[in-house]
Protein backbone atom coordinates (compact mmCIF):
# COMPACT_ATOMS: atom_id res chain seq x y z
CA MET A 1 9.36 20.26 1.74
CA THR A 2 13.16 20.61 1.77
CA ARG A 3 13.10 21.92 5.36
CA GLN A 4 10.64 19.33 6.57
CA SER A 5 10.84 15.56 7.03
CA ARG A 6 11.26 13.29 4.03
CA PHE A 7 8.28 13.38 1.71
CA ASP A 8 7.51 9.68 2.17
CA TYR A 9 7.54 10.11 5.96
CA TYR A 10 5.22 13.10 5.63
CA CYS A 11 2.82 11.07 3.49
CA TRP A 12 2.81 8.26 6.04
CA ASP A 13 1.83 10.66 8.83
CA LEU A 14 -0.78 12.27 6.60
CA TYR A 15 -2.19 8.86 5.72
CA ALA A 16 -2.71 8.08 9.42
CA SER A 17 -4.37 11.45 9.99
CA VAL A 18 -6.75 11.01 7.07
CA ALA A 19 -7.64 7.49 8.23
CA HIS A 20 -8.62 8.98 11.59
CA TRP A 21 -10.67 11.65 9.80
CA TYR A 22 -12.55 8.94 7.90
CA ALA A 23 -13.41 7.21 11.18
CA GLU A 24 -14.85 10.39 12.69
CA ASN A 25 -17.80 10.60 10.31
CA LYS A 26 -19.15 8.11 7.78
CA GLU A 27 -20.02 11.04 5.52
CA ASN A 28 -16.29 11.64 5.14
CA LEU A 29 -15.99 8.29 3.37
CA ARG A 30 -17.87 9.80 0.45
CA PHE A 31 -14.81 11.90 -0.39
CA ARG A 32 -12.66 8.76 -0.45
CA GLN A 33 -15.05 7.03 -2.84
CA GLU A 34 -15.22 10.05 -5.13
CA THR A 35 -11.43 10.37 -5.16
CA LEU A 36 -10.92 6.67 -5.92
CA HIS A 37 -13.34 6.96 -8.82
CA ALA A 38 -11.50 10.01 -10.16
CA ILE A 39 -8.08 8.36 -9.88
CA GLU A 40 -9.25 5.19 -11.63
CA GLN A 41 -10.91 7.21 -14.38
CA GLY A 42 -7.79 9.30 -15.03
CA ASN A 43 -7.38 12.52 -17.03
CA ASN A 44 -8.40 14.78 -14.15
CA GLU A 45 -6.77 16.83 -11.40
CA SER A 46 -7.08 14.16 -8.70
CA ALA A 47 -5.44 11.56 -10.93
CA ALA A 48 -2.63 13.99 -11.83
CA VAL A 49 -1.93 14.79 -8.16
CA ALA A 50 -2.01 11.09 -7.27
CA ASP A 51 0.54 10.38 -10.00
CA VAL A 52 2.94 13.06 -8.76
CA ILE A 53 2.70 11.86 -5.17
CA SER A 54 3.05 8.16 -5.98
CA ILE A 55 6.11 8.76 -8.17
CA ALA A 56 7.79 10.82 -5.44
CA VAL A 57 7.14 8.15 -2.81
CA LEU A 58 8.24 5.41 -5.20
CA ARG A 59 11.62 7.05 -5.73
CA ARG A 60 12.12 7.23 -1.97
CA HIS A 61 11.13 3.58 -1.67
CA LEU A 62 13.73 2.52 -4.24
CA GLU A 63 16.40 4.53 -2.42
CA THR A 64 15.49 2.84 0.85
CA MET A 65 15.51 -0.66 -0.63
CA ASP A 66 18.80 0.02 -2.39
CA ARG A 67 20.39 0.64 1.01
CA LEU A 68 19.31 -2.91 1.84
CA ASP A 69 20.90 -4.20 -1.41
CA ILE A 70 17.47 -4.90 -2.93
CA GLU A 71 16.92 -3.92 -6.56
CA TYR A 72 13.93 -4.03 -8.89
CA ASP A 73 13.78 -4.73 -12.61
CA PHE A 74 10.23 -3.62 -13.36
CA LEU A 75 7.45 -1.85 -11.46
CA PRO A 76 3.91 -2.31 -12.85
CA ARG A 77 1.40 0.31 -11.74
CA GLU A 78 -2.29 -0.11 -10.99
CA SER A 79 -3.11 2.86 -13.22
CA GLU A 80 -1.83 1.03 -16.31
CA ILE A 81 -3.63 -2.16 -15.28
CA LEU A 82 -6.83 -0.14 -15.50
CA HIS A 83 -6.10 2.25 -18.37
CA LEU A 84 -4.60 -0.43 -20.64
CA HIS A 85 -7.70 -2.55 -19.94
CA PHE A 86 -5.85 -5.39 -18.25
CA TRP A 87 -8.61 -5.49 -15.68
CA ASP A 88 -11.35 -5.50 -18.32
CA ALA A 89 -9.78 -8.56 -19.97
CA ALA A 90 -9.30 -10.29 -16.62
CA PHE A 91 -12.84 -9.45 -15.51
CA THR A 92 -14.25 -11.09 -18.64
CA LYS A 93 -12.14 -14.22 -18.11
CA LEU A 94 -13.17 -14.50 -14.46
CA LYS A 95 -16.88 -14.16 -15.24
CA GLU A 96 -16.75 -16.58 -18.15
CA GLY A 97 -14.87 -19.07 -15.99
CA GLY A 98 -17.49 -18.89 -13.26
CA VAL A 99 -15.00 -17.52 -10.78
CA LEU A 100 -16.83 -14.25 -10.08
CA PHE A 101 -20.46 -13.88 -9.09
CA PHE A 102 -22.69 -10.83 -8.80
CA GLU A 103 -24.14 -10.70 -5.29
CA THR A 104 -27.80 -9.67 -5.08
CA GLU A 105 -28.30 -9.68 -1.32
CA GLY A 106 -26.61 -9.27 2.04
CA LYS A 107 -23.89 -6.82 2.95
CA ASN A 108 -22.10 -7.51 -0.35
CA LYS A 109 -25.16 -6.73 -2.47
CA GLY A 110 -24.20 -5.10 -5.75
CA CYS A 111 -20.61 -6.36 -5.59
CA TRP A 112 -18.78 -8.85 -7.77
CA VAL A 113 -17.41 -11.44 -5.37
CA MET A 114 -15.17 -14.48 -5.43
CA ARG A 115 -16.22 -17.44 -3.36
CA ARG A 116 -13.80 -19.62 -1.52
CA ALA A 117 -13.36 -23.16 -2.76
CA GLY A 118 -16.10 -25.52 -1.57
CA THR A 119 -18.62 -22.77 -0.80
CA SER A 120 -20.60 -22.59 -4.06
CA LYS A 121 -24.37 -22.35 -3.95
CA SER A 122 -26.51 -25.39 -4.71
CA GLU A 123 -27.53 -25.72 -8.35
CA ARG A 124 -30.63 -27.84 -7.61
CA PRO A 125 -33.74 -26.27 -9.18
CA GLU A 126 -35.92 -26.76 -6.12
CA VAL A 127 -34.76 -26.79 -2.51
CA SER A 128 -36.48 -26.17 0.78
CA THR A 129 -36.02 -22.92 2.64
CA GLU A 130 -33.92 -24.69 5.24
CA ASP A 131 -31.68 -26.29 2.59
CA ALA A 132 -31.38 -23.01 0.74
CA GLU A 133 -30.17 -21.28 3.88
CA LYS A 134 -27.62 -23.99 4.45
CA ASN A 135 -26.37 -23.72 0.88
CA GLU A 136 -26.08 -19.95 0.90
CA VAL A 137 -22.48 -18.75 0.78
CA ALA A 138 -21.54 -17.18 4.09
CA GLU A 139 -20.56 -13.55 3.61
CA GLU A 140 -17.27 -14.17 5.36
CA ASP A 141 -16.50 -16.76 2.65
CA GLN A 142 -16.75 -14.11 -0.07
CA LYS A 143 -14.01 -11.81 -1.25
CA VAL A 144 -15.21 -8.58 -2.82
CA ILE A 145 -13.38 -7.98 -6.10
CA VAL A 146 -15.48 -5.11 -7.50
CA ARG A 147 -17.25 -2.88 -5.00
CA SER A 148 -20.89 -1.89 -5.39
CA ASN A 149 -19.77 1.61 -6.41
CA GLY A 150 -17.88 0.14 -9.36
CA THR A 151 -14.31 0.58 -8.09
CA VAL A 152 -11.96 -2.38 -8.42
CA GLY A 153 -10.34 -3.64 -5.24
CA TYR A 154 -6.65 -4.37 -4.85
CA VAL A 155 -7.17 -8.12 -5.26
CA GLY A 156 -8.86 -7.62 -8.63
CA LYS A 157 -5.94 -5.59 -9.95
CA ASP A 158 -3.52 -8.13 -8.53
CA ILE A 159 -5.34 -10.96 -10.33
CA ALA A 160 -5.06 -9.05 -13.62
CA TYR A 161 -1.36 -8.49 -12.98
CA HIS A 162 -0.72 -12.19 -12.36
CA LEU A 163 -2.64 -13.19 -15.48
CA TRP A 164 -0.34 -10.84 -17.42
CA LYS A 165 2.71 -12.23 -15.64
CA PHE A 166 1.89 -15.74 -16.85
CA GLY A 167 1.07 -14.53 -20.37
CA LEU A 168 -2.67 -15.23 -20.13
CA LEU A 169 -4.08 -11.81 -21.05
CA GLY A 170 -2.76 -11.20 -24.54
CA ARG A 171 -1.86 -7.65 -23.53
CA ASP A 172 1.31 -5.87 -22.51
CA PHE A 173 2.47 -2.71 -20.78
CA GLY A 174 4.40 0.14 -22.25
CA TYR A 175 7.82 0.45 -20.60
CA ARG A 176 10.04 3.40 -19.71
CA LYS A 177 13.24 3.69 -17.76
CA PHE A 178 12.47 5.10 -14.34
CA TYR A 179 15.41 4.73 -11.97
CA ARG A 180 19.10 3.96 -12.40
CA TYR A 181 20.94 2.41 -9.49
CA PRO A 182 24.51 3.49 -8.64
CA ASN A 183 25.76 0.24 -10.22
CA GLY A 184 24.13 1.17 -13.54
CA HIS A 185 21.20 -1.22 -13.32
CA ASP A 186 17.95 0.24 -14.70
CA CYS A 187 14.53 -0.15 -13.13
CA TRP A 188 11.67 0.13 -15.62
CA LEU A 189 8.21 1.50 -14.95
CA SER A 190 4.94 0.69 -16.69
CA THR A 191 3.36 3.36 -18.86
CA ALA A 192 0.66 3.62 -21.50
CA VAL A 193 3.10 4.31 -24.37
CA GLY A 194 6.73 3.43 -23.77
CA ALA A 195 10.09 2.77 -25.40
CA LEU A 196 10.24 0.63 -28.52
CA GLU A 197 13.25 -1.26 -27.18
CA HIS A 198 13.09 -2.67 -23.68
CA PRO A 199 13.82 -5.89 -21.77
CA HIS A 200 11.22 -8.64 -21.89
CA PHE A 201 8.99 -8.84 -18.84
CA GLY A 202 6.14 -11.22 -18.05
CA GLY A 203 5.21 -14.51 -19.69
CA VAL A 204 6.84 -16.58 -16.97
CA ARG A 205 6.36 -20.34 -16.90
CA LYS A 206 6.65 -20.75 -13.16
CA SER A 207 7.02 -18.65 -10.06
CA THR A 208 9.01 -19.31 -6.92
CA THR A 209 8.40 -17.87 -3.47
């Protein structure tokens, strides 16, 4: 790789090529599903390769952002959100709160979905066929959180992350130093088992945008 383009550039080009390969044949999508399952499960070759690649690209990303005078304090990873059971805790909260629903029909059949505000189904015990159709949630008003194959979508992991950020999960990451900027500032990375002493992250009271 030292004689070729930067590794992150190479991955970007490869990503575009693979996306084109997926579009050529629906059967090719099966490999994507199998790989996603393997990465989420962890402790296998696909997960190990994904970790090596993501870490390499992440270092390049931090170098690029540093040139723009942008620094990070902490980088949480999706792998820890899954392996430390952040998502499991969030999933339980969302179901108990009536936020997620298991879809039994339509194109989202078999998925756990979130409905947009104001689009809940009627709770009347008896309704006519016409009324039932009117009260059905339009599929475009549903956001798939867990796919029918069991993999968790990005939004689901992001919800779990934000619940942690506001101290609503009762769980925490492990932390390890990952990257030191030229000015001496350390960027920490999530891990399953980390350093005993580390800065405090999460548990914010408010967020600004």
